[in-house]
């Protein structure tokens, strides 16, 4: 996964969301269709996609999809 747009595509495909690239920097609390279940499912998807564990404690501190992506790829 090279870009935050790929993370958004992953979420849209597997979580049934309709996120746009512009949502990458938005606060997760501002995304109307986002909730804690989506976050947990996204963590599992990222681990499957990347083939390694994702630091859950750091993801839980993330405030945006861009933050989640940065944690996932180690940026």
C-alpha atoms as a PDB file:
ATOM      1  CA  UNK A   1       0.000   0.000   0.000  1.00  0.00           C
ATOM      2  CA  UNK A   2       1.777   3.074  -1.257  1.00  0.00           C
ATOM      3  CA  UNK A   3      -0.807   5.828  -0.858  1.00  0.00           C
ATOM      4  CA  UNK A   4      -3.600   6.926   1.434  1.00  0.00           C
ATOM      5  CA  UNK A   5      -5.878   6.705  -1.603  1.00  0.00           C
ATOM      6  CA  UNK A   6      -5.202   2.961  -1.684  1.00  0.00           C
ATOM      7  CA  UNK A   7      -6.258   2.758   1.967  1.00  0.00           C
ATOM      8  CA  UNK A   8      -9.491   4.581   1.110  1.00  0.00           C
ATOM      9  CA  UNK A   9     -10.108   2.223  -1.811  1.00  0.00           C
ATOM     10  CA  UNK A  10      -9.523  -0.746   0.512  1.00  0.00           C
ATOM     11  CA  UNK A  11     -12.056   0.640   2.985  1.00  0.00           C
ATOM     12  CA  UNK A  12     -14.629   1.347   0.295  1.00  0.00           C
ATOM     13  CA  UNK A  13     -14.260  -2.114  -1.230  1.00  0.00           C
ATOM     14  CA  UNK A  14     -14.308  -4.155   1.958  1.00  0.00           C
ATOM     15  CA  UNK A  15     -16.182  -2.010   4.472  1.00  0.00           C
ATOM     16  CA  UNK A  16     -18.906  -0.675   2.196  1.00  0.00           C
ATOM     17  CA  UNK A  17     -17.968   2.938   2.806  1.00  0.00           C
ATOM     18  CA  UNK A  18     -18.148   5.715   0.233  1.00  0.00           C
ATOM     19  CA  UNK A  19     -15.071   7.664   1.256  1.00  0.00           C
ATOM     20  CA  UNK A  20     -13.405  10.105  -1.134  1.00  0.00           C
ATOM     21  CA  UNK A  21      -9.719  11.045  -1.345  1.00  0.00           C
ATOM     22  CA  UNK A  22     -10.651  14.407   0.182  1.00  0.00           C
ATOM     23  CA  UNK A  23     -11.716  12.532   3.338  1.00  0.00           C
ATOM     24  CA  UNK A  24      -8.110  11.478   4.019  1.00  0.00           C
ATOM     25  CA  UNK A  25      -7.339  14.522   6.161  1.00  0.00           C
ATOM     26  CA  UNK A  26     -10.748  14.843   7.818  1.00  0.00           C
ATOM     27  CA  UNK A  27     -11.104  14.041  11.496  1.00  0.00           C
ATOM     28  CA  UNK A  28     -12.518  10.530  11.851  1.00  0.00           C
ATOM     29  CA  UNK A  29     -15.241  11.983  14.078  1.00  0.00           C
ATOM     30  CA  UNK A  30     -16.343  14.174  11.143  1.00  0.00           C
ATOM     31  CA  UNK A  31     -16.892  11.227   8.788  1.00  0.00           C
ATOM     32  CA  UNK A  32     -20.627  10.541   9.015  1.00  0.00           C
ATOM     33  CA  UNK A  33     -20.401   6.859   8.123  1.00  0.00           C
ATOM     34  CA  UNK A  34     -17.314   6.073  10.238  1.00  0.00           C
ATOM     35  CA  UNK A  35     -17.459   4.288  13.596  1.00  0.00           C
ATOM     36  CA  UNK A  36     -15.340   2.108  15.862  1.00  0.00           C
ATOM     37  CA  UNK A  37     -16.420  -1.081  14.090  1.00  0.00           C
ATOM     38  CA  UNK A  38     -15.079   0.307  10.810  1.00  0.00           C
ATOM     39  CA  UNK A  39     -11.803   1.105  12.554  1.00  0.00           C
ATOM     40  CA  UNK A  40     -11.379  -2.415  13.926  1.00  0.00           C
ATOM     41  CA  UNK A  41     -12.273  -3.990  10.593  1.00  0.00           C
ATOM     42  CA  UNK A  42      -9.830  -1.669   8.818  1.00  0.00           C
ATOM     43  CA  UNK A  43      -7.027  -2.709  11.171  1.00  0.00           C
ATOM     44  CA  UNK A  44      -7.698  -6.365  10.330  1.00  0.00           C
ATOM     45  CA  UNK A  45      -7.771  -5.560   6.596  1.00  0.00           C
ATOM     46  CA  UNK A  46      -4.513  -3.642   6.813  1.00  0.00           C
ATOM     47  CA  UNK A  47      -2.795  -6.513   8.594  1.00  0.00           C
ATOM     48  CA  UNK A  48      -4.026  -8.907   5.928  1.00  0.00           C
ATOM     49  CA  UNK A  49      -3.022  -6.564   3.101  1.00  0.00           C
ATOM     50  CA  UNK A  50       0.421  -5.788   4.532  1.00  0.00           C
ATOM     51  CA  UNK A  51       1.130  -9.298   5.790  1.00  0.00           C
ATOM     52  CA  UNK A  52       2.240  -8.066   9.201  1.00  0.00           C
ATOM     53  CA  UNK A  53       0.793  -6.683  12.423  1.00  0.00           C
ATOM     54  CA  UNK A  54      -0.224  -3.038  12.562  1.00  0.00           C
ATOM     55  CA  UNK A  55       0.449  -1.223  15.872  1.00  0.00           C
ATOM     56  CA  UNK A  56      -3.102  -1.016  17.175  1.00  0.00           C
ATOM     57  CA  UNK A  57      -2.266   1.408  19.976  1.00  0.00           C
ATOM     58  CA  UNK A  58      -0.906   3.897  17.430  1.00  0.00           C
ATOM     59  CA  UNK A  59      -3.910   3.430  15.122  1.00  0.00           C
ATOM     60  CA  UNK A  60      -6.242   4.132  18.032  1.00  0.00           C
ATOM     61  CA  UNK A  61      -4.483   7.487  18.495  1.00  0.00           C
ATOM     62  CA  UNK A  62      -4.957   8.396  14.817  1.00  0.00           C
ATOM     63  CA  UNK A  63      -7.261  11.298  14.104  1.00  0.00           C
ATOM     64  CA  UNK A  64      -7.643  10.827  10.339  1.00  0.00           C
ATOM     65  CA  UNK A  65      -7.393   8.216   7.618  1.00  0.00           C
ATOM     66  CA  UNK A  66      -4.084   9.795   6.614  1.00  0.00           C
ATOM     67  CA  UNK A  67      -2.819   9.209  10.165  1.00  0.00           C
ATOM     68  CA  UNK A  68      -3.946   5.571  10.019  1.00  0.00           C
ATOM     69  CA  UNK A  69      -2.172   5.130   6.695  1.00  0.00           C
ATOM     70  CA  UNK A  70       1.034   6.660   8.079  1.00  0.00           C
ATOM     71  CA  UNK A  71       0.995   4.273  11.040  1.00  0.00           C
ATOM     72  CA  UNK A  72       0.253   1.287   8.814  1.00  0.00           C
ATOM     73  CA  UNK A  73       3.102   1.948   6.390  1.00  0.00           C
ATOM     74  CA  UNK A  74       5.502   3.147   9.059  1.00  0.00           C
ATOM     75  CA  UNK A  75       5.798   6.664   7.668  1.00  0.00           C
END
